[in-house]
């Protein structure tokens, strides 16, 4: 009996921990990009996320009509990491969830170098 209890505890300990927050929903906000030449460009950003445990799926893009699939998404505590398939130059997003906001950075490496963008998103009502 003690052996079964020990095995059950070990099995439970090896399961991934549930995320502290749930980011499922639509997120809208700003995408402020800076290119390798220092030029900046501001646009909108929309993320449509679905969270299942620590895994995140969905899509991201400049608006609801232009969305690109999330190929890999995870959440650890309040840290969200997403890989977005935007053609031959995918985006990598690192965001932090704080008070119903997702804020952080996106990076994309293209033919002319790396582009970085600051994201500030709010959960849509």
Protein backbone atom coordinates (compact mmCIF):
# COMPACT_ATOMS: atom_id res chain seq x y z
CA UNK A 1 0.00 0.00 0.00
CA UNK A 2 2.83 2.41 0.85
CA UNK A 3 4.44 1.57 -2.49
CA UNK A 4 1.26 2.51 -4.38
CA UNK A 5 1.00 5.78 -2.46
CA UNK A 6 4.65 6.61 -3.23
CA UNK A 7 4.17 5.81 -6.92
CA UNK A 8 1.07 8.00 -7.06
CA UNK A 9 2.93 10.92 -5.46
CA UNK A 10 5.84 10.54 -7.89
CA UNK A 11 3.42 10.45 -10.84
CA UNK A 12 1.67 13.62 -9.64
CA UNK A 13 4.97 15.41 -9.10
CA UNK A 14 6.04 14.68 -12.66
CA UNK A 15 2.95 16.32 -14.22
CA UNK A 16 3.45 19.84 -15.58
CA UNK A 17 2.23 22.52 -13.22
CA UNK A 18 -0.89 24.40 -14.22
CA UNK A 19 -0.33 27.95 -15.36
CA UNK A 20 -1.00 30.70 -12.81
CA UNK A 21 -3.08 32.72 -15.29
CA UNK A 22 -5.25 32.02 -18.30
CA UNK A 23 -4.63 34.09 -21.43
CA UNK A 24 -7.43 32.57 -23.52
CA UNK A 25 -9.23 35.27 -25.49
CA UNK A 26 -8.70 38.07 -27.97
CA UNK A 27 -6.00 40.64 -27.30
CA UNK A 28 -5.66 43.97 -29.10
CA UNK A 29 -3.09 46.71 -28.89
CA UNK A 30 -0.02 48.25 -30.45
CA UNK A 31 3.01 46.91 -32.31
CA UNK A 32 5.89 49.43 -32.39
CA UNK A 33 8.63 48.04 -34.67
CA UNK A 34 12.18 49.26 -35.19
CA UNK A 35 14.08 48.04 -38.24
CA UNK A 36 17.82 47.42 -38.59
CA UNK A 37 18.18 50.94 -40.05
CA UNK A 38 16.61 52.49 -36.94
CA UNK A 39 13.36 53.40 -38.70
CA UNK A 40 10.28 52.87 -36.56
CA UNK A 41 6.81 51.79 -37.64
CA UNK A 42 3.67 51.67 -35.51
CA UNK A 43 0.70 49.44 -36.24
CA UNK A 44 -2.05 47.51 -34.54
CA UNK A 45 -1.73 43.99 -33.18
CA UNK A 46 -4.31 41.28 -32.54
CA UNK A 47 -3.68 37.95 -30.82
CA UNK A 48 -6.34 35.26 -30.66
CA UNK A 49 -5.22 32.81 -27.97
CA UNK A 50 -6.45 29.53 -26.55
CA UNK A 51 -4.70 28.13 -23.50
CA UNK A 52 -4.79 24.47 -22.47
CA UNK A 53 -2.65 23.98 -19.37
CA UNK A 54 0.77 25.42 -20.23
CA UNK A 55 0.24 25.21 -24.01
CA UNK A 56 -1.05 28.10 -26.11
CA UNK A 57 -2.47 27.89 -29.63
CA UNK A 58 -4.13 30.45 -31.85
CA UNK A 59 -3.00 33.17 -34.20
CA UNK A 60 -1.46 36.64 -34.34
CA UNK A 61 -1.41 39.50 -36.82
CA UNK A 62 -1.92 43.22 -37.40
CA UNK A 63 -5.73 42.89 -37.34
CA UNK A 64 -8.49 40.26 -37.21
CA UNK A 65 -8.46 39.83 -41.02
CA UNK A 66 -4.73 39.12 -41.30
CA UNK A 67 -3.81 36.36 -38.86
CA UNK A 68 -0.85 33.95 -38.85
CA UNK A 69 -0.84 30.63 -36.94
CA UNK A 70 1.02 30.18 -33.68
CA UNK A 71 3.24 27.14 -34.26
CA UNK A 72 4.45 26.89 -30.67
CA UNK A 73 3.16 28.62 -27.57
CA UNK A 74 3.83 28.17 -23.87
CA UNK A 75 3.11 29.92 -20.60
CA UNK A 76 5.20 29.59 -17.45
CA UNK A 77 3.83 31.61 -14.54
CA UNK A 78 3.13 34.98 -16.17
CA UNK A 79 5.67 34.55 -19.03
CA UNK A 80 4.24 33.82 -22.49
CA UNK A 81 6.46 32.70 -25.39
CA UNK A 82 4.99 32.36 -28.89
CA UNK A 83 6.38 31.37 -32.29
CA UNK A 84 4.27 32.80 -35.13
CA UNK A 85 4.46 31.49 -38.72
CA UNK A 86 4.60 34.65 -40.86
CA UNK A 87 5.98 33.00 -43.99
CA UNK A 88 9.72 32.68 -44.50
CA UNK A 89 10.45 35.03 -41.57
CA UNK A 90 8.61 33.82 -38.43
CA UNK A 91 8.10 36.01 -35.37
CA UNK A 92 9.26 35.16 -31.85
CA UNK A 93 7.22 36.84 -29.08
CA UNK A 94 8.17 37.09 -25.41
CA UNK A 95 5.38 38.61 -23.34
CA UNK A 96 4.56 39.13 -19.68
CA UNK A 97 1.01 38.99 -18.31
CA UNK A 98 0.32 41.73 -15.76
CA UNK A 99 -3.10 43.02 -14.66
CA UNK A 100 -4.97 41.79 -17.77
CA UNK A 101 -2.27 43.11 -20.16
CA UNK A 102 0.30 41.31 -22.27
CA UNK A 103 3.44 43.38 -22.76
CA UNK A 104 6.82 42.55 -24.21
CA UNK A 105 8.74 42.17 -27.44
CA UNK A 106 8.57 40.46 -30.81
CA UNK A 107 11.59 39.77 -32.98
CA UNK A 108 11.89 38.73 -36.61
CA UNK A 109 15.04 38.03 -38.59
CA UNK A 110 14.75 38.86 -42.29
CA UNK A 111 16.92 39.55 -45.31
CA UNK A 112 17.82 43.03 -44.02
CA UNK A 113 18.58 41.94 -40.43
CA UNK A 114 16.62 41.68 -37.23
CA UNK A 115 13.50 43.69 -36.55
CA UNK A 116 12.30 44.18 -33.00
CA UNK A 117 8.94 45.44 -31.86
CA UNK A 118 7.43 46.41 -28.58
CA UNK A 119 3.94 45.03 -27.95
CA UNK A 120 1.33 46.33 -25.55
CA UNK A 121 -1.93 44.35 -25.63
CA UNK A 122 -5.13 44.47 -23.63
CA UNK A 123 -7.73 41.71 -23.41
CA UNK A 124 -10.68 42.60 -25.66
CA UNK A 125 -14.06 42.68 -23.94
